[in-house]
C-alpha atoms as a PDB file:
ATOM      1  CA  MET A   1     147.784  79.616 142.949  1.00  0.00           C
ATOM      2  CA  ILE A   2     145.745  76.943 141.141  1.00  0.00           C
ATOM      3  CA  GLU A   3     146.658  78.471 137.758  1.00  0.00           C
ATOM      4  CA  ARG A   4     150.375  78.520 138.664  1.00  0.00           C
ATOM      5  CA  ALA A   5     150.231  74.874 139.834  1.00  0.00           C
ATOM      6  CA  ALA A   6     148.504  73.825 136.590  1.00  0.00           C
ATOM      7  CA  LEU A   7     151.107  75.631 134.495  1.00  0.00           C
ATOM      8  CA  ALA A   8     153.900  73.907 136.424  1.00  0.00           C
ATOM      9  CA  VAL A   9     152.382  70.521 135.597  1.00  0.00           C
ATOM     10  CA  LEU A  10     151.830  71.365 131.932  1.00  0.00           C
ATOM     11  CA  HIS A  11     155.412  72.573 131.554  1.00  0.00           C
ATOM     12  CA  ARG A  12     156.640  69.087 132.453  1.00  0.00           C
ATOM     13  CA  LEU A  13     154.846  67.676 129.422  1.00  0.00           C
ATOM     14  CA  ASP A  14     155.602  67.737 125.708  1.00  0.00           C
ATOM     15  CA  PRO A  15     154.284  71.148 124.500  1.00  0.00           C
ATOM     16  CA  GLU A  16     151.758  69.740 122.051  1.00  0.00           C
ATOM     17  CA  ARG A  17     150.412  67.330 124.674  1.00  0.00           C
ATOM     18  CA  ALA A  18     150.200  70.204 127.151  1.00  0.00           C
ATOM     19  CA  HIS A  19     148.254  72.272 124.611  1.00  0.00           C
ATOM     20  CA  THR A  20     145.779  69.426 124.066  1.00  0.00           C
ATOM     21  CA  LEU A  21     145.243  69.059 127.806  1.00  0.00           C
ATOM     22  CA  ALA A  22     144.792  72.823 128.297  1.00  0.00           C
ATOM     23  CA  LEU A  23     142.002  72.853 125.712  1.00  0.00           C
ATOM     24  CA  ALA A  24     140.397  69.820 127.327  1.00  0.00           C
ATOM     25  CA  ALA A  25     140.520  71.561 130.727  1.00  0.00           C
ATOM     26  CA  LEU A  26     138.794  74.631 129.299  1.00  0.00           C
ATOM     27  CA  ARG A  27     136.071  72.502 127.741  1.00  0.00           C
ATOM     28  CA  ALA A  28     135.593  70.820 131.148  1.00  0.00           C
ATOM     29  CA  GLY A  29     134.896  74.203 132.734  1.00  0.00           C
ATOM     30  CA  LEU A  30     138.229  74.703 134.470  1.00  0.00           C
ATOM     31  CA  GLY A  31     138.884  78.175 133.087  1.00  0.00           C
ATOM     32  CA  PRO A  32     137.625  81.659 133.996  1.00  0.00           C
ATOM     33  CA  ARG A  33     133.915  82.283 133.778  1.00  0.00           C
ATOM     34  CA  THR A  34     133.774  86.040 133.987  1.00  0.00           C
ATOM     35  CA  GLY A  35     133.317  86.872 130.331  1.00  0.00           C
ATOM     36  CA  PRO A  36     135.041  89.800 128.637  1.00  0.00           C
ATOM     37  CA  VAL A  37     136.281  92.671 130.750  1.00  0.00           C
ATOM     38  CA  THR A  38     134.757  95.901 129.513  1.00  0.00           C
ATOM     39  CA  SER A  39     134.199  99.564 130.288  1.00  0.00           C
ATOM     40  CA  PRO A  40     133.419 102.757 128.391  1.00  0.00           C
ATOM     41  CA  ARG A  41     137.178 103.383 128.162  1.00  0.00           C
ATOM     42  CA  LEU A  42     138.028  99.927 126.736  1.00  0.00           C
ATOM     43  CA  ALA A  43     135.119  99.217 124.378  1.00  0.00           C
ATOM     44  CA  ILE A  44     136.052  99.972 120.775  1.00  0.00           C
ATOM     45  CA  ARG A  45     134.541  99.639 117.305  1.00  0.00           C
ATOM     46  CA  LEU A  46     136.939  97.941 114.875  1.00  0.00           C
ATOM     47  CA  ALA A  47     136.104  97.341 111.209  1.00  0.00           C
ATOM     48  CA  GLY A  48     132.408  97.454 112.031  1.00  0.00           C
ATOM     49  CA  LEU A  49     132.787  95.105 115.015  1.00  0.00           C
ATOM     50  CA  ASP A  50     131.889  96.219 118.522  1.00  0.00           C
ATOM     51  CA  LEU A  51     134.593  94.817 120.812  1.00  0.00           C
ATOM     52  CA  PRO A  52     134.034  94.935 124.602  1.00  0.00           C
ATOM     53  CA  ASN A  53     137.808  95.319 124.965  1.00  0.00           C
ATOM     54  CA  PRO A  54     140.759  95.326 122.538  1.00  0.00           C
ATOM     55  CA  ILE A  55     142.460  92.139 123.846  1.00  0.00           C
ATOM     56  CA  GLY A  56     142.076  89.270 121.394  1.00  0.00           C
ATOM     57  CA  LEU A  57     143.168  85.666 121.162  1.00  0.00           C
ATOM     58  CA  ALA A  58     145.252  84.933 118.080  1.00  0.00           C
ATOM     59  CA  ALA A  59     144.689  81.948 115.807  1.00  0.00           C
ATOM     60  CA  GLY A  60     146.435  78.707 116.666  1.00  0.00           C
ATOM     61  CA  PHE A  61     145.170  78.147 120.203  1.00  0.00           C
ATOM     62  CA  ASP A  62     141.830  76.643 119.175  1.00  0.00           C
ATOM     63  CA  LYS A  63     142.610  75.360 115.694  1.00  0.00           C
ATOM     64  CA  ASN A  64     139.442  73.313 115.297  1.00  0.00           C
ATOM     65  CA  ALA A  65     136.920  75.507 117.139  1.00  0.00           C
ATOM     66  CA  THR A  66     136.431  72.946 119.917  1.00  0.00           C
ATOM     67  CA  ALA A  67     136.351  75.340 122.897  1.00  0.00           C
ATOM     68  CA  LEU A  68     134.489  78.403 121.665  1.00  0.00           C
ATOM     69  CA  GLY A  69     132.144  78.702 124.646  1.00  0.00           C
ATOM     70  CA  ALA A  70     134.951  78.315 127.179  1.00  0.00           C
ATOM     71  CA  ILE A  71     137.171  80.854 125.444  1.00  0.00           C
ATOM     72  CA  ALA A  72     134.300  83.340 125.305  1.00  0.00           C
ATOM     73  CA  ARG A  73     134.301  83.327 129.138  1.00  0.00           C
ATOM     74  CA  CYS A  74     138.049  83.982 129.533  1.00  0.00           C
ATOM     75  CA  GLY A  75     138.051  87.776 129.254  1.00  0.00           C
ATOM     76  CA  PHE A  76     138.964  88.281 125.606  1.00  0.00           C
ATOM     77  CA  GLY A  77     137.237  90.995 123.620  1.00  0.00           C
ATOM     78  CA  PHE A  78     137.424  88.845 120.475  1.00  0.00           C
ATOM     79  CA  PHE A  79     139.079  85.653 119.363  1.00  0.00           C
ATOM     80  CA  GLU A  80     140.060  83.713 116.283  1.00  0.00           C
ATOM     81  CA  ALA A  81     139.746  79.966 115.570  1.00  0.00           C
ATOM     82  CA  GLY A  82     141.859  78.157 112.987  1.00  0.00           C
ATOM     83  CA  ALA A  83     143.755  78.195 110.777  1.00  0.00           C
ATOM     84  CA  VAL A  84     141.323  76.160 108.711  1.00  0.00           C
ATOM     85  CA  THR A  85     141.885  74.675 105.270  1.00  0.00           C
ATOM     86  CA  PRO A  86     139.336  73.146 102.862  1.00  0.00           C
ATOM     87  CA  HIS A  87     140.539  69.580 103.395  1.00  0.00           C
ATOM     88  CA  PRO A  88     141.694  68.073 106.674  1.00  0.00           C
ATOM     89  CA  GLN A  89     145.460  67.781 106.958  1.00  0.00           C
ATOM     90  CA  ALA A  90     147.763  66.247 109.516  1.00  0.00           C
ATOM     91  CA  GLY A  91     150.357  69.003 109.250  1.00  0.00           C
ATOM     92  CA  ASN A  92     154.068  68.472 109.675  1.00  0.00           C
ATOM     93  CA  PRO A  93     155.604  65.526 111.559  1.00  0.00           C
ATOM     94  CA  ARG A  94     156.050  65.735 115.342  1.00  0.00           C
ATOM     95  CA  PRO A  95     157.759  67.199 117.253  1.00  0.00           C
ATOM     96  CA  ARG A  96     156.507  70.492 115.790  1.00  0.00           C
ATOM     97  CA  LEU A  97     155.977  72.719 118.847  1.00  0.00           C
ATOM     98  CA  PHE A  98     158.869  73.830 121.079  1.00  0.00           C
ATOM     99  CA  ARG A  99     158.638  75.773 124.319  1.00  0.00           C
ATOM    100  CA  LEU A 100     161.440  78.362 124.688  1.00  0.00           C
ATOM    101  CA  THR A 101     161.258  78.884 128.459  1.00  0.00           C
ATOM    102  CA  GLU A 102     164.427  80.943 128.769  1.00  0.00           C
ATOM    103  CA  ASP A 103     163.163  83.335 126.086  1.00  0.00           C
ATOM    104  CA  ARG A 104     159.467  83.235 127.012  1.00  0.00           C
ATOM    105  CA  GLY A 105     158.713  82.222 123.466  1.00  0.00           C
ATOM    106  CA  ALA A 106     157.783  79.284 121.277  1.00  0.00           C
ATOM    107  CA  ILE A 107     158.610  77.861 117.890  1.00  0.00           C
ATOM    108  CA  ASN A 108     155.966  75.982 115.937  1.00  0.00           C
ATOM    109  CA  ARG A 109     155.913  74.263 112.575  1.00  0.00           C
ATOM    110  CA  TYR A 110     152.419  72.779 112.645  1.00  0.00           C
ATOM    111  CA  GLY A 111     151.791  73.422 108.951  1.00  0.00           C
ATOM    112  CA  PHE A 112     148.078  74.215 109.178  1.00  0.00           C
ATOM    113  CA  ALA A 113     147.142  70.997 110.982  1.00  0.00           C
ATOM    114  CA  ASN A 114     143.359  70.974 111.232  1.00  0.00           C
ATOM    115  CA  GLU A 115     140.223  68.904 110.758  1.00  0.00           C
ATOM    116  CA  GLY A 116     139.017  70.725 107.668  1.00  0.00           C
ATOM    117  CA  LEU A 117     136.318  73.270 106.937  1.00  0.00           C
ATOM    118  CA  GLU A 118     133.286  70.983 107.072  1.00  0.00           C
ATOM    119  CA  ILE A 119     133.885  69.922 110.685  1.00  0.00           C
ATOM    120  CA  VAL A 120     134.959  73.373 111.799  1.00  0.00           C
ATOM    121  CA  ALA A 121     132.019  75.081 110.069  1.00  0.00           C
ATOM    122  CA  ASP A 122     129.609  72.751 111.866  1.00  0.00           C
ATOM    123  CA  ARG A 123     131.098  73.715 115.231  1.00  0.00           C
ATOM    124  CA  LEU A 124     131.035  77.384 114.327  1.00  0.00           C
ATOM    125  CA  SER A 125     127.333  77.083 113.438  1.00  0.00           C
ATOM    126  CA  ARG A 126     126.751  76.246 117.104  1.00  0.00           C
ATOM    127  CA  ARG A 127     128.918  79.057 118.452  1.00  0.00           C
ATOM    128  CA  PRO A 128     128.075  80.918 121.674  1.00  0.00           C
ATOM    129  CA  ALA A 129     125.929  84.005 121.298  1.00  0.00           C
ATOM    130  CA  GLY A 130     127.352  87.428 122.068  1.00  0.00           C
ATOM    131  CA  ALA A 131     131.077  86.687 121.506  1.00  0.00           C
ATOM    132  CA  VAL A 132     133.054  88.213 118.636  1.00  0.00           C
ATOM    133  CA  ILE A 133     134.532  85.195 116.833  1.00  0.00           C
ATOM    134  CA  GLY A 134     136.600  85.021 113.675  1.00  0.00           C
ATOM    135  CA  ILE A 135     138.169  82.330 111.530  1.00  0.00           C
ATOM    136  CA  ASN A 136     141.762  82.219 110.332  1.00  0.00           C
ATOM    137  CA  VAL A 137     141.824  80.965 106.748  1.00  0.00           C
ATOM    138  CA  GLY A 138     144.599  78.885 105.196  1.00  0.00           C
ATOM    139  CA  ALA A 139     145.300  76.800 102.109  1.00  0.00           C
ATOM    140  CA  ASN A 140     146.078  73.129 101.829  1.00  0.00           C
ATOM    141  CA  LYS A 141     149.739  72.274 101.374  1.00  0.00           C
ATOM    142  CA  ASP A 142     149.134  70.338  98.157  1.00  0.00           C
ATOM    143  CA  SER A 143     146.518  72.667  96.687  1.00  0.00           C
ATOM    144  CA  PRO A 144     146.893  73.536  92.982  1.00  0.00           C
ATOM    145  CA  ASP A 145     144.870  76.726  93.507  1.00  0.00           C
ATOM    146  CA  ARG A 146     145.455  78.330  96.901  1.00  0.00           C
ATOM    147  CA  ALA A 147     143.293  81.363  96.105  1.00  0.00           C
ATOM    148  CA  ALA A 148     140.377  78.965  95.568  1.00  0.00           C
ATOM    149  CA  ASP A 149     141.117  77.403  98.962  1.00  0.00           C
ATOM    150  CA  PHE A 150     140.839  80.747 100.743  1.00  0.00           C
ATOM    151  CA  ALA A 151     137.608  81.541  98.929  1.00  0.00           C
ATOM    152  CA  ARG A 152     136.085  78.146  99.740  1.00  0.00           C
ATOM    153  CA  VAL A 153     136.767  78.430 103.467  1.00  0.00           C
ATOM    154  CA  ILE A 154     135.245  81.907 103.582  1.00  0.00           C
ATOM    155  CA  GLU A 155     132.212  80.760 101.579  1.00  0.00           C
ATOM    156  CA  THR A 156     131.537  77.856 103.969  1.00  0.00           C
ATOM    157  CA  CYS A 157     132.582  79.333 107.332  1.00  0.00           C
ATOM    158  CA  GLY A 158     131.727  82.977 106.657  1.00  0.00           C
ATOM    159  CA  PRO A 159     128.025  82.713 107.559  1.00  0.00           C
ATOM    160  CA  HIS A 160     128.983  81.552 111.071  1.00  0.00           C
ATOM    161  CA  VAL A 161     131.684  84.064 112.052  1.00  0.00           C
ATOM    162  CA  ASP A 162     132.079  87.802 112.594  1.00  0.00           C
ATOM    163  CA  PHE A 163     135.322  88.189 110.603  1.00  0.00           C
ATOM    164  CA  ALA A 164     137.761  86.139 108.551  1.00  0.00           C
ATOM    165  CA  THR A 165     141.552  86.484 108.450  1.00  0.00           C
ATOM    166  CA  VAL A 166     143.474  85.681 105.291  1.00  0.00           C
ATOM    167  CA  ASN A 167     146.695  84.007 106.451  1.00  0.00           C
ATOM    168  CA  VAL A 168     149.404  84.318 103.789  1.00  0.00           C
ATOM    169  CA  SER A 169     152.183  84.772 106.318  1.00  0.00           C
ATOM    170  CA  SER A 170     152.683  81.434 108.040  1.00  0.00           C
ATOM    171  CA  PRO A 171     156.281  80.245 107.446  1.00  0.00           C
ATOM    172  CA  ASN A 172     155.247  76.603 107.797  1.00  0.00           C
ATOM    173  CA  THR A 173     153.542  75.976 104.463  1.00  0.00           C
ATOM    174  CA  GLU A 174     155.935  75.959 101.513  1.00  0.00           C
ATOM    175  CA  ARG A 175     155.740  79.051  99.290  1.00  0.00           C
ATOM    176  CA  LEU A 176     152.714  80.437 101.164  1.00  0.00           C
ATOM    177  CA  ARG A 177     154.524  83.689 101.923  1.00  0.00           C
ATOM    178  CA  ASP A 178     154.983  84.189  98.181  1.00  0.00           C
ATOM    179  CA  LEU A 179     151.326  85.280  98.194  1.00  0.00           C
ATOM    180  CA  GLN A 180     152.365  88.473 100.038  1.00  0.00           C
ATOM    181  CA  GLY A 181     153.864  89.834  96.813  1.00  0.00           C
ATOM    182  CA  ALA A 182     151.870  92.731  95.404  1.00  0.00           C
ATOM    183  CA  GLU A 183     150.580  91.025  92.237  1.00  0.00           C
ATOM    184  CA  ALA A 184     149.764  87.691  93.829  1.00  0.00           C
ATOM    185  CA  LEU A 185     148.171  89.359  96.871  1.00  0.00           C
ATOM    186  CA  SER A 186     145.993  91.624  94.764  1.00  0.00           C
ATOM    187  CA  ALA A 187     144.686  88.648  92.803  1.00  0.00           C
ATOM    188  CA  LEU A 188     144.075  86.600  95.921  1.00  0.00           C
ATOM    189  CA  LEU A 189     142.287  89.373  97.779  1.00  0.00           C
ATOM    190  CA  GLY A 190     140.144  90.141  94.764  1.00  0.00           C
ATOM    191  CA  ARG A 191     138.861  86.591  94.813  1.00  0.00           C
ATOM    192  CA  VAL A 192     138.406  86.578  98.583  1.00  0.00           C
ATOM    193  CA  LEU A 193     136.519  89.879  98.633  1.00  0.00           C
ATOM    194  CA  ALA A 194     134.233  88.747  95.795  1.00  0.00           C
ATOM    195  CA  THR A 195     133.402  85.639  97.828  1.00  0.00           C
ATOM    196  CA  ARG A 196     132.765  87.733 100.921  1.00  0.00           C
ATOM    197  CA  ASP A 197     130.509  90.102  99.002  1.00  0.00           C
ATOM    198  CA  ALA A 198     128.343  87.146  97.920  1.00  0.00           C
ATOM    199  CA  LEU A 199     127.711  86.005 101.505  1.00  0.00           C
ATOM    200  CA  PRO A 200     124.231  86.514 102.948  1.00  0.00           C
ATOM    201  CA  ARG A 201     125.867  88.656 105.652  1.00  0.00           C
ATOM    202  CA  GLN A 202     129.040  90.455 104.673  1.00  0.00           C
ATOM    203  CA  ILE A 203     131.820  90.168 107.201  1.00  0.00           C
ATOM    204  CA  PRO A 204     135.092  92.093 107.589  1.00  0.00           C
ATOM    205  CA  ILE A 205     138.158  90.560 105.962  1.00  0.00           C
ATOM    206  CA  PHE A 206     141.488  90.903 107.791  1.00  0.00           C
ATOM    207  CA  LEU A 207     144.933  90.225 106.362  1.00  0.00           C
ATOM    208  CA  LYS A 208     147.703  88.746 108.529  1.00  0.00           C
ATOM    209  CA  ILE A 209     151.232  89.676 107.466  1.00  0.00           C
ATOM    210  CA  ALA A 210     154.738  88.492 108.278  1.00  0.00           C
ATOM    211  CA  PRO A 211     157.204  90.466 110.430  1.00  0.00           C
ATOM    212  CA  ASP A 212     160.058  89.714 108.023  1.00  0.00           C
ATOM    213  CA  LEU A 213     159.139  92.169 105.238  1.00  0.00           C
ATOM    214  CA  ASP A 214     161.585  94.843 104.126  1.00  0.00           C
ATOM    215  CA  ALA A 215     160.496  98.457 103.652  1.00  0.00           C
ATOM    216  CA  GLN A 216     159.671  98.128  99.952  1.00  0.00           C
ATOM    217  CA  ALA A 217     157.728  94.889 100.397  1.00  0.00           C
ATOM    218  CA  LEU A 218     155.749  96.419 103.267  1.00  0.00           C
ATOM    219  CA  GLU A 219     154.854  99.468 101.184  1.00  0.00           C
ATOM    220  CA  GLU A 220     153.738  97.295  98.254  1.00  0.00           C
ATOM    221  CA  LEU A 221     151.701  95.093 100.570  1.00  0.00           C
ATOM    222  CA  ALA A 222     149.969  98.103 102.107  1.00  0.00           C
ATOM    223  CA  THR A 223     148.905  99.231  98.640  1.00  0.00           C
ATOM    224  CA  ALA A 224     147.725  95.783  97.576  1.00  0.00           C
ATOM    225  CA  ALA A 225     145.735  95.325 100.788  1.00  0.00           C
ATOM    226  CA  ALA A 226     143.723  98.507 100.408  1.00  0.00           C
ATOM    227  CA  GLY A 227     140.453  96.601  99.960  1.00  0.00           C
ATOM    228  CA  VAL A 228     140.517  94.653 103.224  1.00  0.00           C
ATOM    229  CA  ASP A 229     139.005  95.866 106.476  1.00  0.00           C
ATOM    230  CA  ALA A 230     142.027  95.558 108.802  1.00  0.00           C
ATOM    231  CA  ILE A 231     145.583  94.206 108.864  1.00  0.00           C
ATOM    232  CA  ILE A 232     147.000  91.984 111.587  1.00  0.00           C
ATOM    233  CA  ALA A 233     150.684  92.710 112.231  1.00  0.00           C
ATOM    234  CA  THR A 234     152.242  90.264 112.663  1.00  0.00           C
ATOM    235  CA  ASN A 235     152.537  86.507 112.308  1.00  0.00           C
ATOM    236  CA  THR A 236     155.559  84.556 113.586  1.00  0.00           C
ATOM    237  CA  THR A 237     159.116  85.264 112.444  1.00  0.00           C
ATOM    238  CA  VAL A 238     161.818  83.091 110.877  1.00  0.00           C
ATOM    239  CA  ALA A 239     164.487  85.265 112.547  1.00  0.00           C
ATOM    240  CA  ARG A 240     166.452  83.787 115.465  1.00  0.00           C
ATOM    241  CA  ASP A 241     168.234  86.799 116.964  1.00  0.00           C
ATOM    242  CA  GLY A 242     169.508  86.529 120.539  1.00  0.00           C
ATOM    243  CA  LEU A 243     167.779  83.312 121.648  1.00  0.00           C
ATOM    244  CA  GLY A 244     169.091  81.480 124.695  1.00  0.00           C
ATOM    245  CA  SER A 245     166.852  78.409 124.690  1.00  0.00           C
ATOM    246  CA  PRO A 246     168.141  74.957 123.676  1.00  0.00           C
ATOM    247  CA  HIS A 247     165.381  74.687 121.063  1.00  0.00           C
ATOM    248  CA  GLY A 248     166.155  78.060 119.499  1.00  0.00           C
ATOM    249  CA  HIS A 249     167.617  76.442 116.392  1.00  0.00           C
ATOM    250  CA  GLU A 250     164.447  74.572 115.450  1.00  0.00           C
ATOM    251  CA  ALA A 251     162.765  75.382 112.129  1.00  0.00           C
ATOM    252  CA  GLY A 252     159.390  77.087 112.163  1.00  0.00           C
ATOM    253  CA  GLY A 253     157.809  80.332 113.269  1.00  0.00           C
ATOM    254  CA  LEU A 254     159.064  82.070 116.403  1.00  0.00           C
ATOM    255  CA  SER A 255     156.509  83.769 118.661  1.00  0.00           C
ATOM    256  CA  GLY A 256     156.390  85.329 122.100  1.00  0.00           C
ATOM    257  CA  GLN A 257     158.752  87.826 123.739  1.00  0.00           C
ATOM    258  CA  PRO A 258     161.549  87.594 121.102  1.00  0.00           C
ATOM    259  CA  LEU A 259     159.045  88.856 118.519  1.00  0.00           C
ATOM    260  CA  PHE A 260     157.807  91.904 120.415  1.00  0.00           C
ATOM    261  CA  GLU A 261     160.147  94.613 119.092  1.00  0.00           C
ATOM    262  CA  ARG A 262     160.279  93.295 115.532  1.00  0.00           C
ATOM    263  CA  SER A 263     156.524  93.034 115.219  1.00  0.00           C
ATOM    264  CA  THR A 264     155.918  96.430 116.855  1.00  0.00           C
ATOM    265  CA  ARG A 265     158.283  98.159 114.455  1.00  0.00           C
ATOM    266  CA  ILE A 266     156.479  96.615 111.495  1.00  0.00           C
ATOM    267  CA  LEU A 267     153.173  97.728 113.041  1.00  0.00           C
ATOM    268  CA  ALA A 268     154.356 101.307 113.465  1.00  0.00           C
ATOM    269  CA  ARG A 269     155.751 101.505 109.924  1.00  0.00           C
ATOM    270  CA  LEU A 270     152.573 100.030 108.510  1.00  0.00           C
ATOM    271  CA  SER A 271     150.513 102.652 110.355  1.00  0.00           C
ATOM    272  CA  THR A 272     152.288 105.358 108.298  1.00  0.00           C
ATOM    273  CA  LEU A 273     151.409 103.555 105.030  1.00  0.00           C
ATOM    274  CA  THR A 274     147.694 102.854 105.465  1.00  0.00           C
ATOM    275  CA  ASP A 275     144.581 104.240 107.118  1.00  0.00           C
ATOM    276  CA  LEU A 276     143.228 100.731 107.745  1.00  0.00           C
ATOM    277  CA  PRO A 277     142.794  99.728 111.369  1.00  0.00           C
ATOM    278  CA  LEU A 278     145.674  97.554 112.610  1.00  0.00           C
ATOM    279  CA  ILE A 279     145.757  94.693 115.102  1.00  0.00           C
ATOM    280  CA  GLY A 280     149.066  94.320 116.895  1.00  0.00           C
ATOM    281  CA  VAL A 281     150.360  90.791 117.587  1.00  0.00           C
ATOM    282  CA  GLY A 282     153.708  89.474 118.755  1.00  0.00           C
ATOM    283  CA  GLY A 283     155.039  89.265 122.295  1.00  0.00           C
ATOM    284  CA  VAL A 284     152.065  90.747 124.143  1.00  0.00           C
ATOM    285  CA  ALA A 285     152.253  89.432 127.701  1.00  0.00           C
ATOM    286  CA  THR A 286     151.508  92.475 129.886  1.00  0.00           C
ATOM    287  CA  ALA A 287     149.218  95.494 129.950  1.00  0.00           C
ATOM    288  CA  GLU A 288     152.274  97.660 129.255  1.00  0.00           C
ATOM    289  CA  GLN A 289     153.045  95.717 126.078  1.00  0.00           C
ATOM    290  CA  ALA A 290     149.435  95.872 124.874  1.00  0.00           C
ATOM    291  CA  TYR A 291     149.521  99.634 125.546  1.00  0.00           C
ATOM    292  CA  ALA A 292     152.795  99.959 123.613  1.00  0.00           C
ATOM    293  CA  LYS A 293     151.240  98.261 120.584  1.00  0.00           C
ATOM    294  CA  ILE A 294     148.232 100.582 120.744  1.00  0.00           C
ATOM    295  CA  ARG A 295     150.397 103.689 121.073  1.00  0.00           C
ATOM    296  CA  ALA A 296     152.471 102.401 118.125  1.00  0.00           C
ATOM    297  CA  GLY A 297     149.343 102.361 115.922  1.00  0.00           C
ATOM    298  CA  ALA A 298     147.174  99.371 116.799  1.00  0.00           C
ATOM    299  CA  SER A 299     143.447  99.619 117.425  1.00  0.00           C
ATOM    300  CA  ALA A 300     143.491  96.224 119.147  1.00  0.00           C
ATOM    301  CA  VAL A 301     145.962  93.492 120.022  1.00  0.00           C
ATOM    302  CA  GLN A 302     146.089  89.686 120.045  1.00  0.00           C
ATOM    303  CA  LEU A 303     148.118  87.256 122.112  1.00  0.00           C
ATOM    304  CA  TYR A 304     148.673  83.521 122.346  1.00  0.00           C
ATOM    305  CA  THR A 305     152.175  82.425 123.396  1.00  0.00           C
ATOM    306  CA  ALA A 306     151.996  84.382 126.661  1.00  0.00           C
ATOM    307  CA  LEU A 307     149.220  82.029 127.824  1.00  0.00           C
ATOM    308  CA  VAL A 308     151.830  79.247 127.953  1.00  0.00           C
ATOM    309  CA  PHE A 309     153.720  81.128 130.666  1.00  0.00           C
ATOM    310  CA  ASP A 310     151.041  83.221 132.374  1.00  0.00           C
ATOM    311  CA  GLY A 311     147.841  81.189 132.109  1.00  0.00           C
ATOM    312  CA  ILE A 312     144.349  81.691 130.758  1.00  0.00           C
ATOM    313  CA  GLY A 313     143.562  84.404 133.309  1.00  0.00           C
ATOM    314  CA  LEU A 314     145.985  86.709 131.500  1.00  0.00           C
ATOM    315  CA  PRO A 315     143.552  88.508 129.125  1.00  0.00           C
ATOM    316  CA  GLY A 316     141.429  89.772 131.992  1.00  0.00           C
ATOM    317  CA  ARG A 317     144.520  90.985 133.876  1.00  0.00           C
ATOM    318  CA  ILE A 318     145.808  92.762 130.781  1.00  0.00           C
ATOM    319  CA  ALA A 319     142.442  94.448 130.143  1.00  0.00           C
ATOM    320  CA  HIS A 320     142.240  95.744 133.719  1.00  0.00           C
ATOM    321  CA  GLY A 321     145.867  96.911 133.546  1.00  0.00           C
ATOM    322  CA  LEU A 322     145.308  98.611 130.204  1.00  0.00           C
ATOM    323  CA  GLU A 323     142.370 100.565 131.616  1.00  0.00           C
ATOM    324  CA  ALA A 324     144.552 101.763 134.462  1.00  0.00           C
ATOM    325  CA  LEU A 325     147.303 102.887 132.055  1.00  0.00           C
ATOM    326  CA  LEU A 326     144.822 104.820 129.909  1.00  0.00           C
ATOM    327  CA  ALA A 327     143.430 106.530 132.995  1.00  0.00           C
ATOM    328  CA  ARG A 328     146.930 107.322 134.273  1.00  0.00           C
ATOM    329  CA  ASP A 329     147.791 109.096 131.043  1.00  0.00           C
ATOM    330  CA  GLY A 330     144.512 110.964 130.780  1.00  0.00           C
ATOM    331  CA  PHE A 331     142.989 109.093 127.850  1.00  0.00           C
ATOM    332  CA  ALA A 332     139.214 109.024 128.104  1.00  0.00           C
ATOM    333  CA  HIS A 333     139.001 106.276 125.490  1.00  0.00           C
ATOM    334  CA  ILE A 334     141.397 103.768 123.990  1.00  0.00           C
ATOM    335  CA  ALA A 335     140.927 105.317 120.548  1.00  0.00           C
ATOM    336  CA  ASP A 336     142.565 108.493 121.855  1.00  0.00           C
ATOM    337  CA  ALA A 337     145.809 106.600 122.514  1.00  0.00           C
ATOM    338  CA  ILE A 338     146.202 104.945 119.101  1.00  0.00           C
ATOM    339  CA  GLY A 339     149.486 105.978 117.445  1.00  0.00           C
ATOM    340  CA  THR A 340     150.443 108.528 120.108  1.00  0.00           C
ATOM    341  CA  ASP A 341     153.925 106.986 120.519  1.00  0.00           C
ATOM    342  CA  ARG A 342     154.460 105.805 116.932  1.00  0.00           C
ATOM    343  CA  ASP A 343     157.643 107.765 116.347  1.00  0.00           C
ATOM    344  CA  ARG A 344     159.455 105.796 119.025  1.00  0.00           C
ATOM    345  CA  TRP A 345     159.308 102.701 116.792  1.00  0.00           C
ATOM    346  CA  LEU A 346     160.121 104.280 113.406  1.00  0.00           C
END
């Protein structure tokens, strides 16, 4: 009841202001304190990382790593701060975040607004013990060498995190998605992986892709990404099919429920093109939707927009629900369910 009342208050505010207040409330200790939900059925090893459960928090919620300890207590099996760029940047002008209540979605055009790698790396160096924490890596809007930006963030933040995600799929930085092309992506990842290999402790590198790739582009990307440790499918979409919200026309990346089917189809197709572990993102708001992503080919899932509508207690509820679904269908372990319903999405 308290969570529902808090959400009602936040929904009366400008979405970006509400987001800022939600983070402040978490830092003040007003969130869950249970830690990650886990069990022998839910715990999974992904790209060398031991996750207590497969429910992750996507990048964008804690852009500047200001609430790491609080988030670690909210039930997630892993979570991702950022996106972070080498230099601080203000991002795009406000308003840049729009709540699509009728569609249970959101549109954002932040443009990698963040405080820069030096401040974020300092916070990450004081991270809570025991949690699985990653960093989402971006490039500055005005950078003459975006590959160098990715490498620099990984070099500086890499020693303090468990994984790093290369984000070439945000629609809110001009020409960033051009880096998903096979030649450009191969060159970028070569530089990123060389930087990772030089770290004192090597960490897995994930690649986050867009949901708006055609079949040929997806196949080429899968080939070019062969050297990474996992692929996150997917980022937000520029499509606007079937929206009923007044803000549905706004520019930026669309997330939440309208993205679920599109992102799951990309996930399933990608699972036929690569043996890399996949992380399913886009429209996850229930245990059933997390389960659908896993049965479509994901080893784990991430969510973010659903917190706007269902509150910070959601990851724990999804983890408990997912365990019940696995037990119902006779799966002794989550790994046994991966890809078992892939054909439905192809």
